[in-house]
Amino acid sequence: MEGERKTHGISICERGAVVLTGILSIDGFDEENIIMRTADEDGLSIQGKTLHVDRFDSDTGDMTVSGRIDAVVYYDIKRRRSGWRSRGRD
């Protein structure tokens, strides 16, 4: 499995459970926000209430989350590292 790139996927069931694949790492979490990095090198944030990471397998990248899901937000980690620009386009 070493060197094999796993694809990222997400499935949400009734805003109360999330099943994710292709998660490289969890970068931070609390009951209202879980921040992670996907196999696509994107950032991903799950926002809500009473969020809980039920399972995370760092070898397979599989993860399950429970709680009230209010939002799922993707962001470009590379752009974030270089800083946000308020003027013009890149």
PDB file of N, CA and C in Angstrom:
ATOM      1  N   MET A   1       0.816  -1.188   0.000  1.00  0.00           N
ATOM      2  CA  MET A   1       0.000   0.000   0.000  1.00  0.00           C
ATOM      3  C   MET A   1       0.868   1.264   0.000  1.00  0.00           C
ATOM      4  N   GLU A   2       2.104   1.144   0.416  1.00  0.00           N
ATOM      5  CA  GLU A   2       3.031   2.269   0.406  1.00  0.00           C
ATOM      6  C   GLU A   2       3.170   2.789  -1.015  1.00  0.00           C
ATOM      7  N   GLY A   3       3.099   4.122  -1.187  1.00  0.00           N
ATOM      8  CA  GLY A   3       3.229   4.730  -2.496  1.00  0.00           C
ATOM      9  C   GLY A   3       1.933   4.761  -3.283  1.00  0.00           C
ATOM     10  N   GLU A   4       0.920   4.021  -2.853  1.00  0.00           N
ATOM     11  CA  GLU A   4      -0.362   4.000  -3.532  1.00  0.00           C
ATOM     12  C   GLU A   4      -1.190   5.184  -3.047  1.00  0.00           C
ATOM     13  N   ARG A   5      -1.681   5.987  -3.964  1.00  0.00           N
ATOM     14  CA  ARG A   5      -2.455   7.169  -3.602  1.00  0.00           C
ATOM     15  C   ARG A   5      -3.936   6.821  -3.540  1.00  0.00           C
ATOM     16  N   LYS A   6      -4.524   7.017  -2.396  1.00  0.00           N
ATOM     17  CA  LYS A   6      -5.939   6.719  -2.213  1.00  0.00           C
ATOM     18  C   LYS A   6      -6.773   7.947  -2.572  1.00  0.00           C
ATOM     19  N   THR A   7      -7.886   7.726  -3.222  1.00  0.00           N
ATOM     20  CA  THR A   7      -8.754   8.839  -3.586  1.00  0.00           C
ATOM     21  C   THR A   7      -9.579   9.272  -2.386  1.00  0.00           C
ATOM     22  N   HIS A   8     -10.011  10.516  -2.450  1.00  0.00           N
ATOM     23  CA  HIS A   8     -10.801  11.092  -1.366  1.00  0.00           C
ATOM     24  C   HIS A   8     -12.284  10.990  -1.701  1.00  0.00           C
ATOM     25  N   GLY A   9     -13.090  10.643  -0.696  1.00  0.00           N
ATOM     26  CA  GLY A   9     -14.533  10.600  -0.861  1.00  0.00           C
ATOM     27  C   GLY A   9     -15.218  10.986   0.432  1.00  0.00           C
ATOM     28  N   ILE A  10     -16.452  11.441   0.315  1.00  0.00           N
ATOM     29  CA  ILE A  10     -17.222  11.832   1.494  1.00  0.00           C
ATOM     30  C   ILE A  10     -18.677  11.446   1.292  1.00  0.00           C
ATOM     31  N   SER A  11     -19.277  10.913   2.348  1.00  0.00           N
ATOM     32  CA  SER A  11     -20.689  10.548   2.334  1.00  0.00           C
ATOM     33  C   SER A  11     -21.317  11.057   3.627  1.00  0.00           C
ATOM     34  N   ILE A  12     -22.411  11.817   3.491  1.00  0.00           N
ATOM     35  CA  ILE A  12     -23.102  12.379   4.658  1.00  0.00           C
ATOM     36  C   ILE A  12     -24.485  11.755   4.727  1.00  0.00           C
ATOM     37  N   CYS A  13     -24.844  11.270   5.907  1.00  0.00           N
ATOM     38  CA  CYS A  13     -26.152  10.650   6.103  1.00  0.00           C
ATOM     39  C   CYS A  13     -26.973  11.486   7.084  1.00  0.00           C
ATOM     40  N   GLU A  14     -28.014  12.100   6.584  1.00  0.00           N
ATOM     41  CA  GLU A  14     -28.980  12.855   7.392  1.00  0.00           C
ATOM     42  C   GLU A  14     -28.335  13.884   8.326  1.00  0.00           C
ATOM     43  N   ARG A  15     -27.249  14.506   7.878  1.00  0.00           N
ATOM     44  CA  ARG A  15     -26.533  15.547   8.628  1.00  0.00           C
ATOM     45  C   ARG A  15     -26.062  15.099  10.002  1.00  0.00           C
ATOM     46  N   GLY A  16     -26.042  13.790  10.249  1.00  0.00           N
ATOM     47  CA  GLY A  16     -25.647  13.303  11.557  1.00  0.00           C
ATOM     48  C   GLY A  16     -24.456  12.363  11.559  1.00  0.00           C
ATOM     49  N   ALA A  17     -24.043  11.910  10.387  1.00  0.00           N
ATOM     50  CA  ALA A  17     -22.911  10.991  10.293  1.00  0.00           C
ATOM     51  C   ALA A  17     -22.185  11.242   8.979  1.00  0.00           C
ATOM     52  N   VAL A  18     -20.855  11.212   9.045  1.00  0.00           N
ATOM     53  CA  VAL A  18     -20.030  11.417   7.860  1.00  0.00           C
ATOM     54  C   VAL A  18     -19.036  10.263   7.770  1.00  0.00           C
ATOM     55  N   VAL A  19     -18.905   9.686   6.580  1.00  0.00           N
ATOM     56  CA  VAL A  19     -17.902   8.669   6.308  1.00  0.00           C
ATOM     57  C   VAL A  19     -16.964   9.267   5.265  1.00  0.00           C
ATOM     58  N   LEU A  20     -15.666   9.292   5.583  1.00  0.00           N
ATOM     59  CA  LEU A  20     -14.668   9.879   4.694  1.00  0.00           C
ATOM     60  C   LEU A  20     -13.623   8.841   4.328  1.00  0.00           C
ATOM     61  N   THR A  21     -13.096   8.950   3.120  1.00  0.00           N
ATOM     62  CA  THR A  21     -11.960   8.139   2.690  1.00  0.00           C
ATOM     63  C   THR A  21     -10.890   9.086   2.171  1.00  0.00           C
ATOM     64  N   GLY A  22      -9.656   8.617   2.149  1.00  0.00           N
ATOM     65  CA  GLY A  22      -8.577   9.421   1.609  1.00  0.00           C
ATOM     66  C   GLY A  22      -8.192  10.602   2.485  1.00  0.00           C
ATOM     67  N   ILE A  23      -8.236  10.432   3.803  1.00  0.00           N
ATOM     68  CA  ILE A  23      -7.821  11.487   4.725  1.00  0.00           C
ATOM     69  C   ILE A  23      -6.375  11.217   5.144  1.00  0.00           C
ATOM     70  N   LEU A  24      -5.512  12.201   4.916  1.00  0.00           N
ATOM     71  CA  LEU A  24      -4.099  12.042   5.271  1.00  0.00           C
ATOM     72  C   LEU A  24      -3.838  12.342   6.742  1.00  0.00           C
ATOM     73  N   SER A  25      -4.483  13.397   7.251  1.00  0.00           N
ATOM     74  CA  SER A  25      -4.235  13.780   8.641  1.00  0.00           C
ATOM     75  C   SER A  25      -5.379  14.620   9.182  1.00  0.00           C
ATOM     76  N   ILE A  26      -5.498  14.611  10.498  1.00  0.00           N
ATOM     77  CA  ILE A  26      -6.405  15.526  11.197  1.00  0.00           C
ATOM     78  C   ILE A  26      -5.516  16.618  11.772  1.00  0.00           C
ATOM     79  N   ASP A  27      -5.751  17.851  11.343  1.00  0.00           N
ATOM     80  CA  ASP A  27      -4.892  18.960  11.752  1.00  0.00           C
ATOM     81  C   ASP A  27      -5.417  19.690  12.990  1.00  0.00           C
ATOM     82  N   GLY A  28      -6.663  19.455  13.361  1.00  0.00           N
ATOM     83  CA  GLY A  28      -7.233  20.062  14.556  1.00  0.00           C
ATOM     84  C   GLY A  28      -8.700  19.703  14.661  1.00  0.00           C
ATOM     85  N   PHE A  29      -9.204  19.703  15.895  1.00  0.00           N
ATOM     86  CA  PHE A  29     -10.633  19.421  16.050  1.00  0.00           C
ATOM     87  C   PHE A  29     -11.131  19.881  17.412  1.00  0.00           C
ATOM     88  N   ASP A  30     -12.401  20.218  17.442  1.00  0.00           N
ATOM     89  CA  ASP A  30     -13.154  20.439  18.675  1.00  0.00           C
ATOM     90  C   ASP A  30     -14.600  20.082  18.348  1.00  0.00           C
ATOM     91  N   GLU A  31     -15.529  20.404  19.222  1.00  0.00           N
ATOM     92  CA  GLU A  31     -16.918  19.991  19.007  1.00  0.00           C
ATOM     93  C   GLU A  31     -17.622  20.758  17.894  1.00  0.00           C
ATOM     94  N   GLU A  32     -16.999  21.815  17.374  1.00  0.00           N
ATOM     95  CA  GLU A  32     -17.637  22.609  16.329  1.00  0.00           C
ATOM     96  C   GLU A  32     -16.888  22.627  14.998  1.00  0.00           C
ATOM     97  N   ASN A  33     -15.687  22.081  14.967  1.00  0.00           N
ATOM     98  CA  ASN A  33     -14.898  22.139  13.737  1.00  0.00           C
ATOM     99  C   ASN A  33     -13.849  21.025  13.726  1.00  0.00           C
ATOM    100  N   ILE A  34     -13.773  20.309  12.621  1.00  0.00           N
ATOM    101  CA  ILE A  34     -12.731  19.302  12.420  1.00  0.00           C
ATOM    102  C   ILE A  34     -11.995  19.689  11.146  1.00  0.00           C
ATOM    103  N   ILE A  35     -10.689  19.877  11.259  1.00  0.00           N
ATOM    104  CA  ILE A  35      -9.872  20.309  10.128  1.00  0.00           C
ATOM    105  C   ILE A  35      -8.940  19.163   9.746  1.00  0.00           C
ATOM    106  N   MET A  36      -8.920  18.830   8.467  1.00  0.00           N
ATOM    107  CA  MET A  36      -8.112  17.705   8.013  1.00  0.00           C
ATOM    108  C   MET A  36      -7.517  17.980   6.644  1.00  0.00           C
ATOM    109  N   ARG A  37      -6.624  17.082   6.222  1.00  0.00           N
ATOM    110  CA  ARG A  37      -5.995  17.168   4.907  1.00  0.00           C
ATOM    111  C   ARG A  37      -6.388  15.918   4.124  1.00  0.00           C
ATOM    112  N   THR A  38      -6.798  16.124   2.870  1.00  0.00           N
ATOM    113  CA  THR A  38      -7.234  15.003   2.034  1.00  0.00           C
ATOM    114  C   THR A  38      -6.085  14.474   1.177  1.00  0.00           C
ATOM    115  N   ALA A  39      -6.312  13.332   0.567  1.00  0.00           N
ATOM    116  CA  ALA A  39      -5.323  12.713  -0.321  1.00  0.00           C
ATOM    117  C   ALA A  39      -5.054  13.587  -1.541  1.00  0.00           C
ATOM    118  N   ASP A  40      -5.969  14.501  -1.853  1.00  0.00           N
ATOM    119  CA  ASP A  40      -5.794  15.426  -2.970  1.00  0.00           C
ATOM    120  C   ASP A  40      -4.958  16.638  -2.577  1.00  0.00           C
ATOM    121  N   GLU A  41      -4.443  16.635  -1.316  1.00  0.00           N
ATOM    122  CA  GLU A  41      -3.668  17.755  -0.766  1.00  0.00           C
ATOM    123  C   GLU A  41      -4.511  19.005  -0.585  1.00  0.00           C
ATOM    124  N   ASP A  42      -5.815  18.841  -0.461  1.00  0.00           N
ATOM    125  CA  ASP A  42      -6.706  19.940  -0.135  1.00  0.00           C
ATOM    126  C   ASP A  42      -6.961  19.934   1.361  1.00  0.00           C
ATOM    127  N   GLY A  43      -7.349  21.082   1.883  1.00  0.00           N
ATOM    128  CA  GLY A  43      -7.806  21.152   3.251  1.00  0.00           C
ATOM    129  C   GLY A  43      -9.306  20.919   3.266  1.00  0.00           C
ATOM    130  N   LEU A  44      -9.801  20.355   4.356  1.00  0.00           N
ATOM    131  CA  LEU A  44     -11.226  20.080   4.495  1.00  0.00           C
ATOM    132  C   LEU A  44     -11.630  20.392   5.920  1.00  0.00           C
ATOM    133  N   SER A  45     -12.728  21.102   6.073  1.00  0.00           N
ATOM    134  CA  SER A  45     -13.256  21.434   7.389  1.00  0.00           C
ATOM    135  C   SER A  45     -14.703  20.977   7.461  1.00  0.00           C
ATOM    136  N   ILE A  46     -15.022  20.244   8.515  1.00  0.00           N
ATOM    137  CA  ILE A  46     -16.410  19.886   8.800  1.00  0.00           C
ATOM    138  C   ILE A  46     -16.824  20.738   9.991  1.00  0.00           C
ATOM    139  N   GLN A  47     -17.924  21.464   9.829  1.00  0.00           N
ATOM    140  CA  GLN A  47     -18.392  22.373  10.868  1.00  0.00           C
ATOM    141  C   GLN A  47     -19.769  21.948  11.342  1.00  0.00           C
ATOM    142  N   GLY A  48     -20.015  22.134  12.643  1.00  0.00           N
ATOM    143  CA  GLY A  48     -21.308  21.748  13.185  1.00  0.00           C
ATOM    144  C   GLY A  48     -21.350  21.862  14.694  1.00  0.00           C
ATOM    145  N   LYS A  49     -22.126  21.006  15.314  1.00  0.00           N
ATOM    146  CA  LYS A  49     -22.297  20.989  16.764  1.00  0.00           C
ATOM    147  C   LYS A  49     -22.068  19.573  17.282  1.00  0.00           C
ATOM    148  N   THR A  50     -21.521  19.476  18.454  1.00  0.00           N
ATOM    149  CA  THR A  50     -21.223  18.199  19.130  1.00  0.00           C
ATOM    150  C   THR A  50     -20.538  17.186  18.198  1.00  0.00           C
ATOM    151  N   LEU A  51     -19.578  17.671  17.416  1.00  0.00           N
ATOM    152  CA  LEU A  51     -18.853  16.798  16.482  1.00  0.00           C
ATOM    153  C   LEU A  51     -17.911  15.877  17.246  1.00  0.00           C
ATOM    154  N   HIS A  52     -17.804  14.664  16.756  1.00  0.00           N
ATOM    155  CA  HIS A  52     -16.945  13.670  17.396  1.00  0.00           C
ATOM    156  C   HIS A  52     -16.309  12.795  16.321  1.00  0.00           C
ATOM    157  N   VAL A  53     -14.985  12.640  16.384  1.00  0.00           N
ATOM    158  CA  VAL A  53     -14.289  11.718  15.482  1.00  0.00           C
ATOM    159  C   VAL A  53     -14.459  10.327  16.079  1.00  0.00           C
ATOM    160  N   ASP A  54     -15.306   9.529  15.475  1.00  0.00           N
ATOM    161  CA  ASP A  54     -15.579   8.177  15.979  1.00  0.00           C
ATOM    162  C   ASP A  54     -14.457   7.209  15.653  1.00  0.00           C
ATOM    163  N   ARG A  55     -13.860   7.381  14.466  1.00  0.00           N
ATOM    164  CA  ARG A  55     -12.799   6.466  14.031  1.00  0.00           C
ATOM    165  C   ARG A  55     -11.937   7.168  13.005  1.00  0.00           C
ATOM    166  N   PHE A  56     -10.625   6.988  13.127  1.00  0.00           N
ATOM    167  CA  PHE A  56      -9.684   7.459  12.112  1.00  0.00           C
ATOM    168  C   PHE A  56      -8.560   6.449  12.004  1.00  0.00           C
ATOM    169  N   ASP A  57      -8.390   5.890  10.825  1.00  0.00           N
ATOM    170  CA  ASP A  57      -7.323   4.930  10.557  1.00  0.00           C
ATOM    171  C   ASP A  57      -6.309   5.619   9.650  1.00  0.00           C
ATOM    172  N   SER A  58      -5.176   6.010  10.197  1.00  0.00           N
ATOM    173  CA  SER A  58      -4.174   6.749   9.428  1.00  0.00           C
ATOM    174  C   SER A  58      -3.528   5.886   8.341  1.00  0.00           C
ATOM    175  N   ASP A  59      -3.582   4.582   8.468  1.00  0.00           N
ATOM    176  CA  ASP A  59      -3.014   3.695   7.444  1.00  0.00           C
ATOM    177  C   ASP A  59      -3.884   3.650   6.187  1.00  0.00           C
ATOM    178  N   THR A  60      -5.204   3.597   6.365  1.00  0.00           N
ATOM    179  CA  THR A  60      -6.115   3.511   5.215  1.00  0.00           C
ATOM    180  C   THR A  60      -6.695   4.861   4.817  1.00  0.00           C
ATOM    181  N   GLY A  61      -6.683   5.832   5.743  1.00  0.00           N
ATOM    182  CA  GLY A  61      -7.282   7.141   5.473  1.00  0.00           C
ATOM    183  C   GLY A  61      -8.773   7.171   5.681  1.00  0.00           C
ATOM    184  N   ASP A  62      -9.327   6.113   6.282  1.00  0.00           N
ATOM    185  CA  ASP A  62     -10.770   6.046   6.535  1.00  0.00           C
ATOM    186  C   ASP A  62     -11.109   6.725   7.854  1.00  0.00           C
ATOM    187  N   MET A  63     -12.250   7.433   7.862  1.00  0.00           N
ATOM    188  CA  MET A  63     -12.630   8.205   9.041  1.00  0.00           C
ATOM    189  C   MET A  63     -14.150   8.290   9.129  1.00  0.00           C
ATOM    190  N   THR A  64     -14.677   8.266  10.344  1.00  0.00           N
ATOM    191  CA  THR A  64     -16.099   8.499  10.559  1.00  0.00           C
ATOM    192  C   THR A  64     -16.266   9.592  11.608  1.00  0.00           C
ATOM    193  N   VAL A  65     -17.280  10.418  11.395  1.00  0.00           N
ATOM    194  CA  VAL A  65     -17.574  11.549  12.278  1.00  0.00           C
ATOM    195  C   VAL A  65     -19.062  11.526  12.580  1.00  0.00           C
ATOM    196  N   SER A  66     -19.423  11.857  13.825  1.00  0.00           N
ATOM    197  CA  SER A  66     -20.838  11.982  14.177  1.00  0.00           C
ATOM    198  C   SER A  66     -21.069  13.340  14.814  1.00  0.00           C
ATOM    199  N   GLY A  67     -22.328  13.741  14.874  1.00  0.00           N
ATOM    200  CA  GLY A  67     -22.735  15.028  15.412  1.00  0.00           C
ATOM    201  C   GLY A  67     -23.652  15.717  14.415  1.00  0.00           C
ATOM    202  N   ARG A  68     -23.973  16.961  14.673  1.00  0.00           N
ATOM    203  CA  ARG A  68     -24.809  17.725  13.730  1.00  0.00           C
ATOM    204  C   ARG A  68     -23.887  18.415  12.724  1.00  0.00           C
ATOM    205  N   ILE A  69     -24.031  18.060  11.448  1.00  0.00           N
ATOM    206  CA  ILE A  69     -23.192  18.605  10.387  1.00  0.00           C
ATOM    207  C   ILE A  69     -23.893  19.833   9.801  1.00  0.00           C
ATOM    208  N   ASP A  70     -23.233  20.994   9.923  1.00  0.00           N
ATOM    209  CA  ASP A  70     -23.789  22.230   9.366  1.00  0.00           C
ATOM    210  C   ASP A  70     -23.116  22.629   8.057  1.00  0.00           C
ATOM    211  N   ALA A  71     -21.830  22.302   7.890  1.00  0.00           N
ATOM    212  CA  ALA A  71     -21.125  22.717   6.672  1.00  0.00           C
ATOM    213  C   ALA A  71     -19.919  21.827   6.425  1.00  0.00           C
ATOM    214  N   VAL A  72     -19.587  21.675   5.149  1.00  0.00           N
ATOM    215  CA  VAL A  72     -18.366  21.000   4.716  1.00  0.00           C
ATOM    216  C   VAL A  72     -17.670  21.986   3.779  1.00  0.00           C
ATOM    217  N   VAL A  73     -16.440  22.360   4.132  1.00  0.00           N
ATOM    218  CA  VAL A  73     -15.734  23.392   3.374  1.00  0.00           C
ATOM    219  C   VAL A  73     -14.375  22.860   2.931  1.00  0.00           C
ATOM    220  N   TYR A  74     -14.100  22.969   1.637  1.00  0.00           N
ATOM    221  CA  TYR A  74     -12.785  22.637   1.103  1.00  0.00           C
ATOM    222  C   TYR A  74     -12.000  23.921   0.914  1.00  0.00           C
ATOM    223  N   TYR A  75     -10.693  23.850   1.120  1.00  0.00           N
ATOM    224  CA  TYR A  75      -9.845  25.011   0.845  1.00  0.00           C
ATOM    225  C   TYR A  75      -8.504  24.550   0.311  1.00  0.00           C
ATOM    226  N   ASP A  76      -7.874  25.422  -0.453  1.00  0.00           N
ATOM    227  CA  ASP A  76      -6.602  25.132  -1.096  1.00  0.00           C
ATOM    228  C   ASP A  76      -5.475  25.402  -0.106  1.00  0.00           C
ATOM    229  N   ILE A  77      -4.812  24.367   0.356  1.00  0.00           N
ATOM    230  CA  ILE A  77      -3.736  24.509   1.340  1.00  0.00           C
ATOM    231  C   ILE A  77      -2.571  25.298   0.759  1.00  0.00           C
ATOM    232  N   LYS A  78      -2.230  25.071  -0.492  1.00  0.00           N
ATOM    233  CA  LYS A  78      -1.098  25.770  -1.104  1.00  0.00           C
ATOM    234  C   LYS A  78      -1.324  27.273  -1.115  1.00  0.00           C
ATOM    235  N   ARG A  79      -2.518  27.698  -1.458  1.00  0.00           N
ATOM    236  CA  ARG A  79      -2.833  29.127  -1.475  1.00  0.00           C
ATOM    237  C   ARG A  79      -2.826  29.688  -0.057  1.00  0.00           C
ATOM    238  N   ARG A  80      -3.338  28.941   0.880  1.00  0.00           N
ATOM    239  CA  ARG A  80      -3.390  29.395   2.262  1.00  0.00           C
ATOM    240  C   ARG A  80      -1.980  29.577   2.823  1.00  0.00           C
ATOM    241  N   ARG A  81      -1.057  28.685   2.473  1.00  0.00           N
ATOM    242  CA  ARG A  81       0.326  28.799   2.936  1.00  0.00           C
ATOM    243  C   ARG A  81       0.990  30.063   2.410  1.00  0.00           C
ATOM    244  N   SER A  82       0.675  30.431   1.175  1.00  0.00           N
ATOM    245  CA  SER A  82       1.304  31.613   0.597  1.00  0.00           C
ATOM    246  C   SER A  82       0.619  32.898   1.039  1.00  0.00           C
ATOM    247  N   GLY A  83      -0.480  32.772   1.748  1.00  0.00           N
ATOM    248  CA  GLY A  83      -1.190  33.949   2.255  1.00  0.00           C
ATOM    249  C   GLY A  83      -2.329  34.352   1.338  1.00  0.00           C
ATOM    250  N   TRP A  84      -3.353  34.894   1.915  1.00  0.00           N
ATOM    251  CA  TRP A  84      -4.499  35.360   1.152  1.00  0.00           C
ATOM    252  C   TRP A  84      -4.202  36.738   0.613  1.00  0.00           C
ATOM    253  N   ARG A  85      -4.622  36.972  -0.584  1.00  0.00           N
ATOM    254  CA  ARG A  85      -4.442  38.287  -1.191  1.00  0.00           C
ATOM    255  C   ARG A  85      -5.789  38.979  -1.252  1.00  0.00           C
ATOM    256  N   SER A  86      -5.815  40.221  -0.821  1.00  0.00           N
ATOM    257  CA  SER A  86      -7.070  40.962  -0.838  1.00  0.00           C
ATOM    258  C   SER A  86      -7.218  41.801  -2.106  1.00  0.00           C
ATOM    259  N   ARG A  87      -6.122  41.985  -2.858  1.00  0.00           N
ATOM    260  CA  ARG A  87      -6.181  42.797  -4.071  1.00  0.00           C
ATOM    261  C   ARG A  87      -6.008  41.933  -5.303  1.00  0.00           C
ATOM    262  N   GLY A  88      -6.828  42.171  -6.277  1.00  0.00           N
ATOM    263  CA  GLY A  88      -6.656  41.546  -7.589  1.00  0.00           C
ATOM    264  C   GLY A  88      -6.699  40.033  -7.574  1.00  0.00           C
ATOM    265  N   ARG A  89      -6.310  39.469  -8.690  1.00  0.00           N
ATOM    266  CA  ARG A  89      -6.275  38.014  -8.841  1.00  0.00           C
ATOM    267  C   ARG A  89      -4.854  37.534  -8.853  1.00  0.00           C
ATOM    268  N   ASP A  90      -4.676  36.239  -8.582  1.00  0.00           N
ATOM    269  CA  ASP A  90      -3.325  35.642  -8.618  1.00  0.00           C
ATOM    270  C   ASP A  90      -2.796  35.576 -10.023  1.00  0.00           C
TER     271      ASP A  90
END
